[in-house]
Amino acid sequence: MEELKMKTIPSFGYEIIRDHLLHSILGKHEDDVLYWAGKELARKFPLFSLDELPSFFTEAGWGSIMLEKETKDEAHYILMTPEHHSLNIEHRCFRLEAGFLAEQKQKQLGYLTECYDERNEKKNYVKFTLKWDLKELV
């Protein structure tokens, strides 16, 4: 059986596109466009379970994500950037990841779901808060 090899992209090349080129092209619309792009990615790459989030995020090069806590109408995730990245989170827009999380959760639950990101620059992580409306079925 042939061994499967993961393709790797140098992190510098990825960071140039993600942190500089997209920002230049999208300008003031970066947050909105990346959020909806994240939702579209979630539709193209649906997860069977949210337990698959950590492996998807790792494979996508987005970092290490873990569920911090969940209540009846919200969930909190923590994203740590990959150790090999020289990324300082204050320079990156995380709306792509937020949109991806919102759409995955919405598909799993069937309720309208939104996601907000909050950076902790001192500890270099991002906290995502997902909120869903138990009254709004999709």
Protein backbone atom coordinates (compact mmCIF):
# COMPACT_ATOMS: atom_id res chain seq x y z
CA MET A 1 0.00 0.00 0.00
CA GLU A 2 1.36 3.38 -0.96
CA GLU A 3 2.15 5.65 1.95
CA LEU A 4 0.11 8.86 2.02
CA LYS A 5 2.17 11.99 2.38
CA MET A 6 0.79 15.28 3.60
CA LYS A 7 1.62 18.24 1.42
CA THR A 8 3.12 21.11 3.31
CA ILE A 9 3.20 24.75 2.40
CA PRO A 10 5.93 26.88 3.93
CA SER A 11 4.34 28.95 6.68
CA PHE A 12 5.92 32.11 5.28
CA GLY A 13 4.09 31.68 1.97
CA TYR A 14 0.80 31.02 3.75
CA GLU A 15 1.28 34.07 5.99
CA ILE A 16 2.04 36.33 3.01
CA ILE A 17 -1.27 35.40 1.40
CA ARG A 18 -3.34 35.28 4.57
CA ASP A 19 -2.01 38.30 6.44
CA HIS A 20 -0.90 40.68 3.71
CA LEU A 21 -2.37 39.93 0.31
CA LEU A 22 -5.95 39.27 1.47
CA HIS A 23 -5.85 42.34 3.68
CA SER A 24 -4.68 44.47 0.75
CA ILE A 25 -7.33 43.12 -1.62
CA LEU A 26 -10.28 43.11 0.80
CA GLY A 27 -9.49 46.30 2.71
CA LYS A 28 -12.33 47.42 4.97
CA HIS A 29 -14.43 44.43 3.86
CA GLU A 30 -11.91 41.87 5.14
CA ASP A 31 -13.87 40.88 8.26
CA ASP A 32 -17.19 40.35 6.45
CA VAL A 33 -15.75 38.58 3.41
CA LEU A 34 -13.58 36.22 5.46
CA TYR A 35 -16.49 35.37 7.79
CA TRP A 36 -18.69 34.37 4.85
CA ALA A 37 -15.75 32.57 3.21
CA GLY A 38 -15.37 30.55 6.42
CA LYS A 39 -19.05 29.63 6.29
CA GLU A 40 -18.62 28.55 2.66
CA LEU A 41 -15.60 26.41 3.59
CA ALA A 42 -17.68 24.73 6.28
CA ARG A 43 -20.32 23.88 3.69
CA LYS A 44 -17.66 22.45 1.35
CA PHE A 45 -15.93 20.52 4.16
CA PRO A 46 -18.71 19.44 6.53
CA LEU A 47 -17.65 17.66 9.69
CA PHE A 48 -19.58 14.65 10.95
CA SER A 49 -19.01 15.83 14.50
CA LEU A 50 -17.48 18.87 16.17
CA ASP A 51 -15.01 16.44 17.74
CA GLU A 52 -13.28 16.63 14.34
CA LEU A 53 -12.55 20.37 14.74
CA PRO A 54 -9.07 19.94 16.26
CA SER A 55 -7.82 17.71 13.46
CA PHE A 56 -9.39 19.92 10.76
CA PHE A 57 -7.85 23.08 12.22
CA THR A 58 -4.45 21.41 12.48
CA GLU A 59 -4.60 20.11 8.90
CA ALA A 60 -5.74 23.52 7.62
CA GLY A 61 -2.77 25.16 9.36
CA TRP A 62 -5.07 27.30 11.49
CA GLY A 63 -3.65 26.15 14.81
CA SER A 64 -4.75 24.08 17.75
CA ILE A 65 -8.35 24.51 18.88
CA MET A 66 -10.08 23.16 21.96
CA LEU A 67 -13.50 23.49 23.52
CA GLU A 68 -13.23 25.53 26.70
CA LYS A 69 -16.88 25.30 27.82
CA GLU A 70 -20.38 24.86 26.48
CA THR A 71 -23.80 25.83 27.81
CA LYS A 72 -27.29 25.33 26.39
CA ASP A 73 -26.95 28.27 23.97
CA GLU A 74 -23.24 29.03 23.58
CA ALA A 75 -19.79 27.49 23.33
CA HIS A 76 -16.30 28.86 23.89
CA TYR A 77 -13.27 27.63 21.94
CA ILE A 78 -9.61 28.56 22.38
CA LEU A 79 -7.31 28.70 19.35
CA MET A 80 -3.55 28.60 19.78
CA THR A 81 -1.54 29.41 16.67
CA PRO A 82 0.85 26.75 15.37
CA GLU A 83 4.19 26.80 17.16
CA HIS A 84 6.15 26.89 13.89
CA HIS A 85 4.39 30.12 12.89
CA SER A 86 6.01 33.39 13.80
CA LEU A 87 2.49 34.80 13.89
CA ASN A 88 1.61 37.48 16.35
CA ILE A 89 -2.18 37.32 16.57
CA GLU A 90 -2.63 41.09 16.61
CA HIS A 91 -1.90 41.19 12.85
CA ARG A 92 -4.31 38.50 11.67
CA CYS A 93 -8.04 38.58 11.05
CA PHE A 94 -9.66 35.44 12.50
CA ARG A 95 -13.06 35.89 10.87
CA LEU A 96 -12.39 32.98 8.47
CA GLU A 97 -12.14 30.61 11.42
CA ALA A 98 -15.13 32.26 13.12
CA GLY A 99 -17.33 31.77 10.06
CA PHE A 100 -16.19 28.17 9.74
CA LEU A 101 -17.05 27.46 13.39
CA ALA A 102 -20.44 29.19 13.15
CA GLU A 103 -21.51 27.22 10.09
CA GLN A 104 -20.29 23.87 11.45
CA LYS A 105 -22.16 24.41 14.73
CA GLN A 106 -25.27 25.63 12.90
CA LYS A 107 -25.28 22.50 10.72
CA GLN A 108 -24.85 20.26 13.78
CA LEU A 109 -27.57 21.94 15.87
CA GLY A 110 -30.00 23.25 13.29
CA TYR A 111 -30.20 26.66 15.01
CA LEU A 112 -29.05 30.04 13.70
CA THR A 113 -25.49 30.42 15.02
CA GLU A 114 -23.02 33.32 15.08
CA CYS A 115 -19.40 33.40 16.20
CA TYR A 116 -17.34 36.22 17.68
CA ASP A 117 -13.58 36.25 18.14
CA GLU A 118 -11.60 37.92 20.90
CA ARG A 119 -7.82 38.08 20.92
CA ASN A 120 -5.66 37.69 24.00
CA GLU A 121 -2.49 39.25 22.66
CA LYS A 122 -0.49 38.78 25.88
CA LYS A 123 -1.01 35.01 25.83
CA ASN A 124 -1.16 34.81 22.01
CA TYR A 125 -4.47 32.98 21.66
CA VAL A 126 -7.92 33.70 20.25
CA LYS A 127 -11.18 32.91 22.04
CA PHE A 128 -14.20 32.16 19.88
CA THR A 129 -17.67 32.53 21.35
CA LEU A 130 -20.43 30.76 19.44
CA LYS A 131 -24.00 31.74 20.26
CA TRP A 132 -27.12 30.11 18.88
CA ASP A 133 -30.75 31.06 19.11
CA LEU A 134 -32.86 28.14 20.33
CA LYS A 135 -35.91 29.87 18.82
CA GLU A 136 -34.48 30.25 15.28
CA LEU A 137 -34.37 27.00 13.34
CA VAL A 138 -32.53 27.06 10.01
